[in-house]
């Protein structure tokens, strides 16, 4: 009987080692992945936009590097979305204002127009 009790304790302790309660559910997206997810998000909301430009912001949220996507809605109206992945899915400062998204003026590279 004593051996059964010890075996039960060992079984419970073995299960404790596999717990993920201390790990973060946030991870970094790659820049191309963030851009694709941003475009998918915009299209799912039927939002009209001119372009999307994404880059690493140099900041992080819950240990995950943030990718900032600037979205040009026209007139000019450029909106910033700072993106991480939450449980593998799109998650931005628009869902959670704690995801830092300070202003910057980056966008696609300027093109030279010749006449």
PDB file of N, CA and C in Angstrom:
ATOM      1  N   UNK A   1       0.828  -1.188   0.000  1.00  0.00           N
ATOM      2  CA  UNK A   1       0.000   0.000   0.000  1.00  0.00           C
ATOM      3  C   UNK A   1       0.873   1.253   0.000  1.00  0.00           C
ATOM      4  N   UNK A   2       1.950   1.197   0.779  1.00  0.00           N
ATOM      5  CA  UNK A   2       2.862   2.319   0.873  1.00  0.00           C
ATOM      6  C   UNK A   2       3.492   2.610  -0.490  1.00  0.00           C
ATOM      7  N   UNK A   3       3.810   1.552  -1.252  1.00  0.00           N
ATOM      8  CA  UNK A   3       4.405   1.718  -2.579  1.00  0.00           C
ATOM      9  C   UNK A   3       3.422   2.360  -3.556  1.00  0.00           C
ATOM     10  N   UNK A   4       2.151   2.029  -3.418  1.00  0.00           N
ATOM     11  CA  UNK A   4       1.127   2.640  -4.279  1.00  0.00           C
ATOM     12  C   UNK A   4       1.021   4.134  -4.005  1.00  0.00           C
ATOM     13  N   UNK A   5       1.080   4.520  -2.732  1.00  0.00           N
ATOM     14  CA  UNK A   5       1.014   5.930  -2.365  1.00  0.00           C
ATOM     15  C   UNK A   5       2.215   6.685  -2.922  1.00  0.00           C
ATOM     16  N   UNK A   6       3.406   6.101  -2.817  1.00  0.00           N
ATOM     17  CA  UNK A   6       4.611   6.737  -3.355  1.00  0.00           C
ATOM     18  C   UNK A   6       4.550   6.841  -4.874  1.00  0.00           C
ATOM     19  N   UNK A   7       4.025   5.811  -5.512  1.00  0.00           N
ATOM     20  CA  UNK A   7       3.890   5.840  -6.971  1.00  0.00           C
ATOM     21  C   UNK A   7       2.927   6.940  -7.386  1.00  0.00           C
ATOM     22  N   UNK A   8       1.845   7.106  -6.612  1.00  0.00           N
ATOM     23  CA  UNK A   8       0.876   8.166  -6.905  1.00  0.00           C
ATOM     24  C   UNK A   8       1.496   9.545  -6.782  1.00  0.00           C
ATOM     25  N   UNK A   9       2.297   9.773  -5.731  1.00  0.00           N
ATOM     26  CA  UNK A   9       2.982  11.058  -5.532  1.00  0.00           C
ATOM     27  C   UNK A   9       3.959  11.315  -6.675  1.00  0.00           C
ATOM     28  N   UNK A  10       4.712  10.288  -7.066  1.00  0.00           N
ATOM     29  CA  UNK A  10       5.667  10.439  -8.161  1.00  0.00           C
ATOM     30  C   UNK A  10       4.948  10.784  -9.457  1.00  0.00           C
ATOM     31  N   UNK A  11       3.803  10.189  -9.698  1.00  0.00           N
ATOM     32  CA  UNK A  11       3.023  10.450 -10.908  1.00  0.00           C
ATOM     33  C   UNK A  11       2.549  11.910 -10.936  1.00  0.00           C
ATOM     34  N   UNK A  12       2.053  12.397  -9.807  1.00  0.00           N
ATOM     35  CA  UNK A  12       1.578  13.785  -9.714  1.00  0.00           C
ATOM     36  C   UNK A  12       2.734  14.752  -9.922  1.00  0.00           C
ATOM     37  N   UNK A  13       3.878  14.491  -9.288  1.00  0.00           N
ATOM     38  CA  UNK A  13       5.032  15.375  -9.441  1.00  0.00           C
ATOM     39  C   UNK A  13       5.552  15.377 -10.872  1.00  0.00           C
ATOM     40  N   UNK A  14       5.516  14.254 -11.550  1.00  0.00           N
ATOM     41  CA  UNK A  14       5.952  14.193 -12.949  1.00  0.00           C
ATOM     42  C   UNK A  14       5.070  15.066 -13.816  1.00  0.00           C
ATOM     43  N   UNK A  15       3.791  15.113 -13.527  1.00  0.00           N
ATOM     44  CA  UNK A  15       2.869  15.955 -14.289  1.00  0.00           C
ATOM     45  C   UNK A  15       3.120  17.429 -14.069  1.00  0.00           C
ATOM     46  N   UNK A  16       3.595  17.805 -12.899  1.00  0.00           N
ATOM     47  CA  UNK A  16       3.855  19.214 -12.593  1.00  0.00           C
ATOM     48  C   UNK A  16       4.973  19.780 -13.446  1.00  0.00           C
ATOM     49  N   UNK A  17       5.926  18.962 -13.828  1.00  0.00           N
ATOM     50  CA  UNK A  17       7.046  19.450 -14.617  1.00  0.00           C
ATOM     51  C   UNK A  17       6.674  19.867 -16.012  1.00  0.00           C
ATOM     52  N   UNK A  18       5.548  19.419 -16.524  1.00  0.00           N
ATOM     53  CA  UNK A  18       5.167  19.754 -17.894  1.00  0.00           C
ATOM     54  C   UNK A  18       4.238  20.949 -17.976  1.00  0.00           C
ATOM     55  N   UNK A  19       4.005  21.621 -16.881  1.00  0.00           N
ATOM     56  CA  UNK A  19       3.098  22.762 -16.872  1.00  0.00           C
ATOM     57  C   UNK A  19       3.674  23.910 -17.687  1.00  0.00           C
ATOM     58  N   UNK A  20       2.804  24.650 -18.401  1.00  0.00           N
ATOM     59  CA  UNK A  20       3.228  25.812 -19.196  1.00  0.00           C
ATOM     60  C   UNK A  20       2.744  27.109 -18.572  1.00  0.00           C
ATOM     61  N   UNK A  21       2.361  27.088 -17.312  1.00  0.00           N
ATOM     62  CA  UNK A  21       1.786  28.269 -16.683  1.00  0.00           C
ATOM     63  C   UNK A  21       2.765  29.440 -16.630  1.00  0.00           C
ATOM     64  N   UNK A  22       4.064  29.201 -16.666  1.00  0.00           N
ATOM     65  CA  UNK A  22       5.027  30.281 -16.598  1.00  0.00           C
ATOM     66  C   UNK A  22       5.423  30.826 -17.957  1.00  0.00           C
ATOM     67  N   UNK A  23       5.023  30.195 -19.030  1.00  0.00           N
ATOM     68  CA  UNK A  23       5.446  30.643 -20.350  1.00  0.00           C
ATOM     69  C   UNK A  23       4.479  31.681 -20.899  1.00  0.00           C
ATOM     70  N   UNK A  24       4.993  32.563 -21.739  1.00  0.00           N
ATOM     71  CA  UNK A  24       4.183  33.613 -22.343  1.00  0.00           C
ATOM     72  C   UNK A  24       3.427  33.064 -23.536  1.00  0.00           C
ATOM     73  N   UNK A  25       2.218  33.562 -23.742  1.00  0.00           N
ATOM     74  CA  UNK A  25       1.443  33.151 -24.907  1.00  0.00           C
ATOM     75  C   UNK A  25       1.672  34.108 -26.070  1.00  0.00           C
ATOM     76  N   UNK A  26       2.621  35.037 -25.915  1.00  0.00           N
ATOM     77  CA  UNK A  26       2.934  36.007 -26.960  1.00  0.00           C
ATOM     78  C   UNK A  26       4.247  35.634 -27.637  1.00  0.00           C
ATOM     79  N   UNK A  27       4.305  35.849 -28.945  1.00  0.00           N
ATOM     80  CA  UNK A  27       5.554  35.629 -29.670  1.00  0.00           C
ATOM     81  C   UNK A  27       5.655  36.648 -30.797  1.00  0.00           C
ATOM     82  N   UNK A  28       6.852  36.796 -31.317  1.00  0.00           N
ATOM     83  CA  UNK A  28       7.082  37.757 -32.392  1.00  0.00           C
ATOM     84  C   UNK A  28       6.637  37.181 -33.725  1.00  0.00           C
ATOM     85  N   UNK A  29       6.094  38.054 -34.549  1.00  0.00           N
ATOM     86  CA  UNK A  29       5.798  37.703 -35.938  1.00  0.00           C
ATOM     87  C   UNK A  29       6.987  38.144 -36.776  1.00  0.00           C
ATOM     88  N   UNK A  30       7.224  37.490 -37.896  1.00  0.00           N
ATOM     89  CA  UNK A  30       8.212  38.005 -38.837  1.00  0.00           C
ATOM     90  C   UNK A  30       7.566  39.204 -39.530  1.00  0.00           C
ATOM     91  N   UNK A  31       8.368  40.049 -40.154  1.00  0.00           N
ATOM     92  CA  UNK A  31       7.820  41.213 -40.847  1.00  0.00           C
ATOM     93  C   UNK A  31       6.878  40.775 -41.982  1.00  0.00           C
ATOM     94  N   UNK A  32       7.278  39.825 -42.849  1.00  0.00           N
ATOM     95  CA  UNK A  32       6.334  39.398 -43.893  1.00  0.00           C
ATOM     96  C   UNK A  32       5.056  38.771 -43.327  1.00  0.00           C
ATOM     97  N   UNK A  33       5.184  38.022 -42.249  1.00  0.00           N
ATOM     98  CA  UNK A  33       4.018  37.409 -41.615  1.00  0.00           C
ATOM     99  C   UNK A  33       3.084  38.486 -41.058  1.00  0.00           C
ATOM    100  N   UNK A  34       3.648  39.497 -40.389  1.00  0.00           N
ATOM    101  CA  UNK A  34       2.837  40.584 -39.835  1.00  0.00           C
ATOM    102  C   UNK A  34       2.110  41.329 -40.945  1.00  0.00           C
ATOM    103  N   UNK A  35       2.805  41.568 -42.064  1.00  0.00           N
ATOM    104  CA  UNK A  35       2.166  42.280 -43.178  1.00  0.00           C
ATOM    105  C   UNK A  35       1.007  41.459 -43.745  1.00  0.00           C
ATOM    106  N   UNK A  36       1.216  40.161 -43.919  1.00  0.00           N
ATOM    107  CA  UNK A  36       0.145  39.304 -44.438  1.00  0.00           C
ATOM    108  C   UNK A  36      -1.047  39.287 -43.476  1.00  0.00           C
ATOM    109  N   UNK A  37      -0.766  39.148 -42.173  1.00  0.00           N
ATOM    110  CA  UNK A  37      -1.833  39.145 -41.174  1.00  0.00           C
ATOM    111  C   UNK A  37      -2.563  40.489 -41.128  1.00  0.00           C
ATOM    112  N   UNK A  38      -1.812  41.582 -41.299  1.00  0.00           N
ATOM    113  CA  UNK A  38      -2.420  42.911 -41.299  1.00  0.00           C
ATOM    114  C   UNK A  38      -3.375  43.065 -42.483  1.00  0.00           C
ATOM    115  N   UNK A  39      -2.928  42.639 -43.646  1.00  0.00           N
ATOM    116  CA  UNK A  39      -3.774  42.720 -44.847  1.00  0.00           C
ATOM    117  C   UNK A  39      -5.003  41.826 -44.690  1.00  0.00           C
ATOM    118  N   UNK A  40      -4.823  40.630 -44.162  1.00  0.00           N
ATOM    119  CA  UNK A  40      -5.965  39.736 -43.908  1.00  0.00           C
ATOM    120  C   UNK A  40      -6.958  40.390 -42.954  1.00  0.00           C
ATOM    121  N   UNK A  41      -6.448  41.043 -41.915  1.00  0.00           N
ATOM    122  CA  UNK A  41      -7.308  41.731 -40.943  1.00  0.00           C
ATOM    123  C   UNK A  41      -8.096  42.848 -41.621  1.00  0.00           C
ATOM    124  N   UNK A  42      -7.405  43.679 -42.408  1.00  0.00           N
ATOM    125  CA  UNK A  42      -8.073  44.794 -43.097  1.00  0.00           C
ATOM    126  C   UNK A  42      -9.152  44.289 -44.040  1.00  0.00           C
ATOM    127  N   UNK A  43      -8.844  43.248 -44.784  1.00  0.00           N
ATOM    128  CA  UNK A  43      -9.814  42.685 -45.721  1.00  0.00           C
ATOM    129  C   UNK A  43     -11.001  42.057 -44.994  1.00  0.00           C
ATOM    130  N   UNK A  44     -10.755  41.427 -43.836  1.00  0.00           N
ATOM    131  CA  UNK A  44     -11.854  40.824 -43.079  1.00  0.00           C
ATOM    132  C   UNK A  44     -12.825  41.878 -42.554  1.00  0.00           C
ATOM    133  N   UNK A  45     -12.326  43.100 -42.388  1.00  0.00           N
ATOM    134  CA  UNK A  45     -13.161  44.212 -41.907  1.00  0.00           C
ATOM    135  C   UNK A  45     -13.691  45.062 -43.071  1.00  0.00           C
ATOM    136  N   UNK A  46     -13.407  44.643 -44.307  1.00  0.00           N
ATOM    137  CA  UNK A  46     -13.807  45.389 -45.521  1.00  0.00           C
ATOM    138  C   UNK A  46     -13.311  46.833 -45.493  1.00  0.00           C
ATOM    139  N   UNK A  47     -12.080  47.035 -45.019  1.00  0.00           N
ATOM    140  CA  UNK A  47     -11.493  48.368 -44.961  1.00  0.00           C
ATOM    141  C   UNK A  47     -10.690  48.637 -46.231  1.00  0.00           C
ATOM    142  N   UNK A  48     -10.875  49.811 -46.809  1.00  0.00           N
ATOM    143  CA  UNK A  48     -10.130  50.215 -48.003  1.00  0.00           C
ATOM    144  C   UNK A  48      -8.838  50.898 -47.567  1.00  0.00           C
ATOM    145  N   UNK A  49      -7.716  50.504 -48.183  1.00  0.00           N
ATOM    146  CA  UNK A  49      -6.420  51.080 -47.843  1.00  0.00           C
ATOM    147  C   UNK A  49      -5.590  51.171 -49.124  1.00  0.00           C
ATOM    148  N   UNK A  50      -4.541  52.028 -49.076  1.00  0.00           N
ATOM    149  CA  UNK A  50      -3.665  52.209 -50.236  1.00  0.00           C
ATOM    150  C   UNK A  50      -2.432  51.317 -50.160  1.00  0.00           C
ATOM    151  N   UNK A  51      -1.809  51.279 -48.992  1.00  0.00           N
ATOM    152  CA  UNK A  51      -0.637  50.436 -48.804  1.00  0.00           C
ATOM    153  C   UNK A  51      -0.444  50.094 -47.334  1.00  0.00           C
ATOM    154  N   UNK A  52       0.363  49.059 -47.115  1.00  0.00           N
ATOM    155  CA  UNK A  52       0.752  48.615 -45.772  1.00  0.00           C
ATOM    156  C   UNK A  52       2.273  48.471 -45.778  1.00  0.00           C
ATOM    157  N   UNK A  53       2.937  49.102 -44.824  1.00  0.00           N
ATOM    158  CA  UNK A  53       4.393  48.990 -44.688  1.00  0.00           C
ATOM    159  C   UNK A  53       4.700  48.541 -43.261  1.00  0.00           C
ATOM    160  N   UNK A  54       5.443  47.440 -43.135  1.00  0.00           N
ATOM    161  CA  UNK A  54       5.736  46.883 -41.810  1.00  0.00           C
ATOM    162  C   UNK A  54       7.237  46.814 -41.568  1.00  0.00           C
ATOM    163  N   UNK A  55       7.623  46.979 -40.296  1.00  0.00           N
ATOM    164  CA  UNK A  55       9.022  46.872 -39.888  1.00  0.00           C
ATOM    165  C   UNK A  55       9.100  46.592 -38.405  1.00  0.00           C
ATOM    166  N   UNK A  56      10.232  46.067 -37.969  1.00  0.00           N
ATOM    167  CA  UNK A  56      10.444  45.842 -36.535  1.00  0.00           C
ATOM    168  C   UNK A  56      10.496  47.198 -35.843  1.00  0.00           C
ATOM    169  N   UNK A  57       9.835  47.304 -34.704  1.00  0.00           N
ATOM    170  CA  UNK A  57       9.768  48.587 -34.008  1.00  0.00           C
ATOM    171  C   UNK A  57      10.932  48.806 -33.053  1.00  0.00           C
ATOM    172  N   UNK A  58      11.613  47.730 -32.649  1.00  0.00           N
ATOM    173  CA  UNK A  58      12.666  47.856 -31.646  1.00  0.00           C
ATOM    174  C   UNK A  58      12.122  47.749 -30.229  1.00  0.00           C
ATOM    175  N   UNK A  59      10.816  47.586 -30.088  1.00  0.00           N
ATOM    176  CA  UNK A  59      10.196  47.431 -28.778  1.00  0.00           C
ATOM    177  C   UNK A  59       9.669  46.004 -28.649  1.00  0.00           C
ATOM    178  N   UNK A  60       9.219  45.658 -27.450  1.00  0.00           N
ATOM    179  CA  UNK A  60       8.647  44.325 -27.247  1.00  0.00           C
ATOM    180  C   UNK A  60       7.455  44.417 -26.309  1.00  0.00           C
ATOM    181  N   UNK A  61       6.651  43.368 -26.331  1.00  0.00           N
ATOM    182  CA  UNK A  61       5.485  43.243 -25.465  1.00  0.00           C
ATOM    183  C   UNK A  61       5.496  41.840 -24.889  1.00  0.00           C
ATOM    184  N   UNK A  62       5.519  41.739 -23.576  1.00  0.00           N
ATOM    185  CA  UNK A  62       5.542  40.442 -22.899  1.00  0.00           C
ATOM    186  C   UNK A  62       6.664  39.546 -23.440  1.00  0.00           C
ATOM    187  N   UNK A  63       7.801  40.172 -23.794  1.00  0.00           N
ATOM    188  CA  UNK A  63       8.957  39.428 -24.276  1.00  0.00           C
ATOM    189  C   UNK A  63       8.962  39.165 -25.768  1.00  0.00           C
ATOM    190  N   UNK A  64       7.900  39.531 -26.481  1.00  0.00           N
ATOM    191  CA  UNK A  64       7.815  39.303 -27.928  1.00  0.00           C
ATOM    192  C   UNK A  64       8.122  40.601 -28.670  1.00  0.00           C
ATOM    193  N   UNK A  65       9.007  40.530 -29.662  1.00  0.00           N
ATOM    194  CA  UNK A  65       9.338  41.710 -30.469  1.00  0.00           C
ATOM    195  C   UNK A  65       8.092  42.188 -31.208  1.00  0.00           C
ATOM    196  N   UNK A  66       7.912  43.505 -31.239  1.00  0.00           N
ATOM    197  CA  UNK A  66       6.756  44.122 -31.902  1.00  0.00           C
ATOM    198  C   UNK A  66       7.112  44.465 -33.339  1.00  0.00           C
ATOM    199  N   UNK A  67       6.196  44.179 -34.254  1.00  0.00           N
ATOM    200  CA  UNK A  67       6.297  44.636 -35.640  1.00  0.00           C
ATOM    201  C   UNK A  67       5.259  45.737 -35.809  1.00  0.00           C
ATOM    202  N   UNK A  68       5.705  46.882 -36.308  1.00  0.00           N
ATOM    203  CA  UNK A  68       4.799  48.012 -36.534  1.00  0.00           C
ATOM    204  C   UNK A  68       4.420  48.042 -38.001  1.00  0.00           C
ATOM    205  N   UNK A  69       3.117  48.106 -38.267  1.00  0.00           N
ATOM    206  CA  UNK A  69       2.620  48.248 -39.631  1.00  0.00           C
ATOM    207  C   UNK A  69       1.915  49.591 -39.745  1.00  0.00           C
ATOM    208  N   UNK A  70       2.369  50.413 -40.679  1.00  0.00           N
ATOM    209  CA  UNK A  70       1.695  51.659 -40.989  1.00  0.00           C
ATOM    210  C   UNK A  70       0.753  51.387 -42.147  1.00  0.00           C
ATOM    211  N   UNK A  71      -0.510  51.769 -41.970  1.00  0.00           N
ATOM    212  CA  UNK A  71      -1.526  51.535 -42.984  1.00  0.00           C
ATOM    213  C   UNK A  71      -2.012  52.891 -43.493  1.00  0.00           C
ATOM    214  N   UNK A  72      -1.915  53.087 -44.810  1.00  0.00           N
ATOM    215  CA  UNK A  72      -2.363  54.331 -45.421  1.00  0.00           C
ATOM    216  C   UNK A  72      -3.811  54.156 -45.868  1.00  0.00           C
ATOM    217  N   UNK A  73      -4.708  54.873 -45.176  1.00  0.00           N
ATOM    218  CA  UNK A  73      -6.126  54.844 -45.519  1.00  0.00           C
ATOM    219  C   UNK A  73      -6.501  56.005 -46.446  1.00  0.00           C
ATOM    220  N   UNK A  74      -5.538  56.863 -46.809  1.00  0.00           N
ATOM    221  CA  UNK A  74      -5.784  57.973 -47.731  1.00  0.00           C
ATOM    222  C   UNK A  74      -6.036  59.288 -47.025  1.00  0.00           C
ATOM    223  N   UNK A  75      -6.026  60.355 -47.763  1.00  0.00           N
ATOM    224  CA  UNK A  75      -6.383  61.752 -47.404  1.00  0.00           C
ATOM    225  C   UNK A  75      -5.392  62.553 -46.572  1.00  0.00           C
ATOM    226  N   UNK A  76      -4.251  62.454 -46.265  1.00  0.00           N
ATOM    227  CA  UNK A  76      -3.522  61.257 -45.848  1.00  0.00           C
ATOM    228  C   UNK A  76      -3.934  60.871 -44.437  1.00  0.00           C
ATOM    229  N   UNK A  77      -4.193  59.650 -44.261  1.00  0.00           N
ATOM    230  CA  UNK A  77      -4.538  59.104 -42.946  1.00  0.00           C
ATOM    231  C   UNK A  77      -3.758  57.805 -42.780  1.00  0.00           C
ATOM    232  N   UNK A  78      -2.662  57.893 -42.043  1.00  0.00           N
ATOM    233  CA  UNK A  78      -1.828  56.719 -41.794  1.00  0.00           C
ATOM    234  C   UNK A  78      -2.041  56.278 -40.354  1.00  0.00           C
ATOM    235  N   UNK A  79      -2.462  55.053 -40.212  1.00  0.00           N
ATOM    236  CA  UNK A  79      -2.755  54.471 -38.900  1.00  0.00           C
ATOM    237  C   UNK A  79      -1.697  53.416 -38.582  1.00  0.00           C
ATOM    238  N   UNK A  80      -1.222  53.441 -37.341  1.00  0.00           N
ATOM    239  CA  UNK A  80      -0.220  52.468 -36.901  1.00  0.00           C
ATOM    240  C   UNK A  80      -0.890  51.296 -36.204  1.00  0.00           C
ATOM    241  N   UNK A  81      -0.419  50.113 -36.529  1.00  0.00           N
ATOM    242  CA  UNK A  81      -0.821  48.882 -35.856  1.00  0.00           C
ATOM    243  C   UNK A  81       0.464  48.210 -35.395  1.00  0.00           C
ATOM    244  N   UNK A  82       0.609  48.004 -34.094  1.00  0.00           N
ATOM    245  CA  UNK A  82       1.781  47.312 -33.576  1.00  0.00           C
ATOM    246  C   UNK A  82       1.358  45.894 -33.230  1.00  0.00           C
ATOM    247  N   UNK A  83       2.068  44.926 -33.837  1.00  0.00           N
ATOM    248  CA  UNK A  83       1.600  43.547 -33.871  1.00  0.00           C
ATOM    249  C   UNK A  83       2.565  42.593 -33.179  1.00  0.00           C
ATOM    250  N   UNK A  84       1.988  41.697 -32.406  1.00  0.00           N
ATOM    251  CA  UNK A  84       2.648  40.493 -31.908  1.00  0.00           C
ATOM    252  C   UNK A  84       1.688  39.347 -32.203  1.00  0.00           C
ATOM    253  N   UNK A  85       2.136  38.141 -31.972  1.00  0.00           N
ATOM    254  CA  UNK A  85       1.246  36.994 -32.100  1.00  0.00           C
ATOM    255  C   UNK A  85       0.806  36.576 -30.709  1.00  0.00           C
ATOM    256  N   UNK A  86      -0.471  36.350 -30.548  1.00  0.00           N
ATOM    257  CA  UNK A  86      -1.006  35.837 -29.279  1.00  0.00           C
ATOM    258  C   UNK A  86      -1.591  34.470 -29.585  1.00  0.00           C
ATOM    259  N   UNK A  87      -0.966  33.454 -28.994  1.00  0.00           N
ATOM    260  CA  UNK A  87      -1.347  32.073 -29.265  1.00  0.00           C
ATOM    261  C   UNK A  87      -1.368  31.808 -30.776  1.00  0.00           C
ATOM    262  N   UNK A  88      -0.382  32.416 -31.472  1.00  0.00           N
ATOM    263  CA  UNK A  88      -0.202  32.201 -32.903  1.00  0.00           C
ATOM    264  C   UNK A  88      -1.090  33.042 -33.802  1.00  0.00           C
ATOM    265  N   UNK A  89      -1.877  33.958 -33.238  1.00  0.00           N
ATOM    266  CA  UNK A  89      -2.813  34.757 -34.039  1.00  0.00           C
ATOM    267  C   UNK A  89      -2.512  36.241 -33.927  1.00  0.00           C
ATOM    268  N   UNK A  90      -2.984  37.005 -34.921  1.00  0.00           N
ATOM    269  CA  UNK A  90      -2.846  38.458 -34.992  1.00  0.00           C
ATOM    270  C   UNK A  90      -3.328  39.103 -33.696  1.00  0.00           C
ATOM    271  N   UNK A  91      -2.490  39.970 -33.127  1.00  0.00           N
ATOM    272  CA  UNK A  91      -2.832  40.688 -31.901  1.00  0.00           C
ATOM    273  C   UNK A  91      -2.137  42.035 -31.973  1.00  0.00           C
ATOM    274  N   UNK A  92      -2.899  43.121 -31.843  1.00  0.00           N
ATOM    275  CA  UNK A  92      -2.307  44.450 -32.021  1.00  0.00           C
ATOM    276  C   UNK A  92      -2.714  45.403 -30.898  1.00  0.00           C
ATOM    277  N   UNK A  93      -2.144  46.598 -30.972  1.00  0.00           N
ATOM    278  CA  UNK A  93      -2.469  47.650 -30.017  1.00  0.00           C
ATOM    279  C   UNK A  93      -3.938  48.058 -30.124  1.00  0.00           C
ATOM    280  N   UNK A  94      -4.607  47.711 -31.207  1.00  0.00           N
ATOM    281  CA  UNK A  94      -6.028  48.030 -31.336  1.00  0.00           C
ATOM    282  C   UNK A  94      -6.883  47.070 -30.504  1.00  0.00           C
ATOM    283  N   UNK A  95      -6.366  45.874 -30.209  1.00  0.00           N
ATOM    284  CA  UNK A  95      -7.043  44.962 -29.294  1.00  0.00           C
ATOM    285  C   UNK A  95      -6.632  45.235 -27.846  1.00  0.00           C
ATOM    286  N   UNK A  96      -5.395  45.663 -27.658  1.00  0.00           N
ATOM    287  CA  UNK A  96      -4.860  45.874 -26.317  1.00  0.00           C
ATOM    288  C   UNK A  96      -3.921  47.077 -26.326  1.00  0.00           C
ATOM    289  N   UNK A  97      -4.356  48.205 -25.765  1.00  0.00           N
ATOM    290  CA  UNK A  97      -3.516  49.412 -25.770  1.00  0.00           C
ATOM    291  C   UNK A  97      -2.191  49.259 -25.027  1.00  0.00           C
ATOM    292  N   UNK A  98      -2.015  48.164 -24.259  1.00  0.00           N
ATOM    293  CA  UNK A  98      -0.741  47.941 -23.571  1.00  0.00           C
ATOM    294  C   UNK A  98       0.370  47.560 -24.552  1.00  0.00           C
ATOM    295  N   UNK A  99       0.004  47.154 -25.767  1.00  0.00           N
ATOM    296  CA  UNK A  99       1.015  46.894 -26.802  1.00  0.00           C
ATOM    297  C   UNK A  99       1.475  48.275 -27.269  1.00  0.00           C
ATOM    298  N   UNK A 100       2.712  48.625 -26.938  1.00  0.00           N
ATOM    299  CA  UNK A 100       3.217  49.976 -27.205  1.00  0.00           C
ATOM    300  C   UNK A 100       3.337  50.245 -28.701  1.00  0.00           C
ATOM    301  N   UNK A 101       2.882  51.429 -29.093  1.00  0.00           N
ATOM    302  CA  UNK A 101       2.924  51.783 -30.510  1.00  0.00           C
ATOM    303  C   UNK A 101       3.144  53.289 -30.652  1.00  0.00           C
ATOM    304  N   UNK A 102       4.368  53.723 -30.337  1.00  0.00           N
ATOM    305  CA  UNK A 102       4.677  55.145 -30.450  1.00  0.00           C
ATOM    306  C   UNK A 102       4.692  55.573 -31.911  1.00  0.00           C
ATOM    307  N   UNK A 103       4.441  56.841 -32.125  1.00  0.00           N
ATOM    308  CA  UNK A 103       4.381  57.416 -33.459  1.00  0.00           C
ATOM    309  C   UNK A 103       5.754  57.415 -34.118  1.00  0.00           C
ATOM    310  N   UNK A 104       5.755  57.100 -35.418  1.00  0.00           N
ATOM    311  CA  UNK A 104       6.908  57.353 -36.277  1.00  0.00           C
ATOM    312  C   UNK A 104       6.376  57.610 -37.679  1.00  0.00           C
ATOM    313  N   UNK A 105       7.208  58.157 -38.531  1.00  0.00           N
ATOM    314  CA  UNK A 105       6.751  58.563 -39.859  1.00  0.00           C
ATOM    315  C   UNK A 105       7.269  57.636 -40.968  1.00  0.00           C
ATOM    316  N   UNK A 106       7.594  56.412 -40.633  1.00  0.00           N
ATOM    317  CA  UNK A 106       8.117  55.503 -41.641  1.00  0.00           C
ATOM    318  C   UNK A 106       6.991  54.977 -42.517  1.00  0.00           C
ATOM    319  N   UNK A 107       7.324  54.704 -43.736  1.00  0.00           N
ATOM    320  CA  UNK A 107       6.383  54.130 -44.696  1.00  0.00           C
ATOM    321  C   UNK A 107       7.151  53.510 -45.820  1.00  0.00           C
ATOM    322  N   UNK A 108       6.495  53.257 -46.943  1.00  0.00           N
ATOM    323  CA  UNK A 108       7.241  52.666 -48.054  1.00  0.00           C
ATOM    324  C   UNK A 108       8.261  53.667 -48.584  1.00  0.00           C
ATOM    325  N   UNK A 109       9.330  53.187 -49.223  1.00  0.00           N
ATOM    326  CA  UNK A 109      10.331  54.110 -49.741  1.00  0.00           C
ATOM    327  C   UNK A 109       9.731  55.034 -50.795  1.00  0.00           C
ATOM    328  N   UNK A 110      10.179  56.268 -50.772  1.00  0.00           N
ATOM    329  CA  UNK A 110       9.697  57.240 -51.755  1.00  0.00           C
ATOM    330  C   UNK A 110      10.172  56.852 -53.141  1.00  0.00           C
ATOM    331  N   UNK A 111       9.359  57.137 -54.119  1.00  0.00           N
ATOM    332  CA  UNK A 111       9.734  56.871 -55.498  1.00  0.00           C
ATOM    333  C   UNK A 111      10.022  58.193 -56.191  1.00  0.00           C
ATOM    334  N   UNK A 112      10.938  58.155 -57.115  1.00  0.00           N
ATOM    335  CA  UNK A 112      11.288  59.361 -57.865  1.00  0.00           C
ATOM    336  C   UNK A 112      10.436  59.411 -59.132  1.00  0.00           C
ATOM    337  N   UNK A 113       9.792  60.526 -59.331  1.00  0.00           N
ATOM    338  CA  UNK A 113       8.968  60.718 -60.518  1.00  0.00           C
ATOM    339  C   UNK A 113       9.744  61.613 -61.472  1.00  0.00           C
ATOM    340  N   UNK A 114       9.934  61.153 -62.684  1.00  0.00           N
ATOM    341  CA  UNK A 114      10.615  61.970 -63.697  1.00  0.00           C
ATOM    342  C   UNK A 114       9.626  62.312 -64.796  1.00  0.00           C
ATOM    343  N   UNK A 115       9.776  63.513 -65.330  1.00  0.00           N
ATOM    344  CA  UNK A 115       8.876  63.885 -66.434  1.00  0.00           C
ATOM    345  C   UNK A 115       9.636  64.164 -67.696  1.00  0.00           C
TER     346      UNK A 115
END
